[in-house]
Protein backbone atom coordinates (compact mmCIF):
# COMPACT_ATOMS: atom_id res chain seq x y z
CA MET A 1 -154.09 -45.07 89.51
CA LYS A 2 -150.45 -43.95 89.71
CA ILE A 3 -149.99 -45.12 93.34
CA LEU A 4 -151.38 -48.62 92.42
CA VAL A 5 -149.04 -49.04 89.39
CA ARG A 6 -146.12 -47.95 91.52
CA TRP A 7 -147.13 -50.47 94.27
CA LEU A 8 -147.31 -53.34 91.78
CA LEU A 9 -143.98 -52.36 90.19
CA LEU A 10 -142.35 -52.16 93.63
CA ALA A 11 -143.71 -55.63 94.50
CA ALA A 12 -142.28 -56.86 91.22
CA ALA A 13 -138.98 -55.24 92.20
CA LEU A 14 -139.03 -57.15 95.46
CA LEU A 15 -139.46 -60.40 93.54
CA LEU A 16 -136.51 -59.33 91.35
CA VAL A 17 -134.40 -58.68 94.52
CA ALA A 18 -135.30 -62.23 95.72
CA HIS A 19 -134.40 -63.61 92.29
CA LEU A 20 -131.03 -61.80 92.06
CA TYR A 21 -129.81 -62.12 95.66
CA PRO A 22 -130.17 -65.43 97.55
CA GLY A 23 -130.21 -63.83 100.89
CA VAL A 24 -133.66 -62.42 100.27
CA GLU A 25 -136.68 -64.71 100.00
CA VAL A 26 -140.24 -63.85 98.82
CA LYS A 27 -142.78 -66.67 98.82
CA SER A 28 -145.25 -65.30 96.31
CA PHE A 29 -146.50 -62.15 94.51
CA THR A 30 -149.05 -61.65 97.25
CA SER A 31 -146.28 -61.72 99.87
CA ALA A 32 -144.36 -59.23 97.63
CA LEU A 33 -147.33 -56.87 97.61
CA ILE A 34 -147.74 -57.03 101.37
CA ALA A 35 -144.04 -56.55 101.88
CA ALA A 36 -143.92 -53.51 99.54
CA LEU A 37 -146.78 -52.00 101.43
CA VAL A 38 -145.15 -52.57 104.80
CA LEU A 39 -141.76 -51.25 103.45
CA GLY A 40 -143.54 -48.18 102.21
CA LEU A 41 -145.27 -47.61 105.62
CA LEU A 42 -142.00 -48.21 107.59
CA ASN A 43 -140.19 -45.85 105.38
CA THR A 44 -142.92 -43.19 105.64
CA LEU A 45 -143.48 -43.37 109.39
CA LEU A 46 -140.37 -44.70 111.08
CA ARG A 47 -137.55 -43.73 108.72
CA PRO A 48 -137.73 -39.95 109.27
CA ILE A 49 -137.64 -40.40 113.04
CA LEU A 50 -134.58 -42.65 112.76
CA VAL A 51 -132.92 -40.20 110.44
CA LEU A 52 -133.40 -37.41 112.86
CA LEU A 53 -132.22 -39.45 115.87
CA THR A 54 -129.10 -40.61 114.12
CA LEU A 55 -128.23 -37.32 112.50
CA PRO A 56 -124.86 -36.88 114.25
CA VAL A 57 -123.76 -40.39 113.20
CA THR A 58 -125.03 -39.71 109.75
CA VAL A 59 -123.02 -36.52 109.49
CA LEU A 60 -119.91 -38.07 110.81
CA SER A 61 -120.15 -41.03 108.34
CA LEU A 62 -120.77 -38.56 105.46
CA GLY A 63 -124.18 -39.94 104.87
CA LEU A 64 -123.20 -43.63 104.83
CA PHE A 65 -125.25 -44.44 107.92
CA LEU A 66 -128.41 -43.91 105.82
CA PHE A 67 -127.63 -47.25 104.17
CA VAL A 68 -127.73 -48.79 107.52
CA ILE A 69 -131.16 -47.21 108.27
CA ASN A 70 -132.38 -48.53 104.89
CA ALA A 71 -131.12 -52.04 105.75
CA LEU A 72 -132.87 -51.81 109.10
CA MET A 73 -136.23 -50.91 107.53
CA PHE A 74 -135.82 -53.83 105.09
CA TRP A 75 -134.87 -56.17 107.95
CA ALA A 76 -137.73 -55.04 110.10
CA ALA A 77 -140.24 -55.65 107.26
CA ALA A 78 -138.91 -59.11 106.79
CA HIS A 79 -139.28 -59.87 110.52
CA LEU A 80 -142.84 -58.59 110.58
CA LEU A 81 -144.04 -60.63 107.64
CA SER A 82 -144.02 -64.40 107.11
CA GLY A 83 -143.83 -64.61 103.36
CA PHE A 84 -140.71 -62.31 103.19
CA ALA A 85 -137.37 -63.35 104.70
CA VAL A 86 -133.93 -61.93 104.96
CA THR A 87 -130.99 -64.15 106.18
CA GLY A 88 -129.09 -61.41 108.05
CA PHE A 89 -127.99 -57.74 108.26
CA TRP A 90 -125.70 -58.00 105.24
CA ALA A 91 -128.45 -59.65 103.18
CA ALA A 92 -130.79 -56.83 104.25
CA LEU A 93 -128.12 -54.21 103.32
CA ILE A 94 -127.57 -55.74 99.84
CA GLY A 95 -131.31 -56.37 99.32
CA SER A 96 -132.27 -52.78 100.29
CA LEU A 97 -129.59 -51.36 97.92
CA ILE A 98 -130.99 -53.36 94.96
CA TYR A 99 -134.57 -52.51 96.01
CA SER A 100 -133.69 -48.69 96.29
CA LEU A 101 -132.14 -48.78 92.82
CA CYS A 102 -135.18 -50.58 91.40
CA GLY A 103 -137.33 -47.97 93.21
CA MET A 104 -135.38 -45.10 91.64
CA LEU A 105 -135.87 -46.60 88.17
CA ILE A 106 -139.54 -47.06 88.84
CA ASP A 107 -139.88 -43.41 89.92
CA VAL A 108 -138.20 -42.29 86.65
CA VAL A 109 -140.49 -44.52 84.50
CA MET A 110 -143.51 -43.29 86.51
CA GLU A 111 -142.69 -39.62 85.87
CA ARG A 112 -142.46 -40.39 82.14
CA LEU A 113 -145.67 -42.31 82.05
CA PHE A 114 -147.63 -40.04 84.33
CA PRO A 115 -146.23 -36.55 83.99
CA PRO A 116 -147.14 -34.09 86.82
CA LEU A 117 -150.13 -31.75 86.19
CA ASP A 118 -148.92 -28.12 86.24
């Protein structure tokens, strides 16, 4: 139940990003659901590999390169899907920042709604 609610909220957050920033476009809520799923899969499967491979650059940039990795995941999801579009790298960077902030807020709300079982 918790994962379905989180998925729906992340899809709504993606629609919010598209509404707030003109560089990100989402055609429908169904497209947002699919895009949220693809973003989750990319962040789960591909992001750790990229973080590990770019660790020296990340350390030298004091962690700022992680923003670039997030933008690349956002941009890759947009290129894989037809109902989700990003106009360029800077749009992907700003869109991923807004989406990440929404995701953090959703995680806080989810922890309050569904407290962990100890």
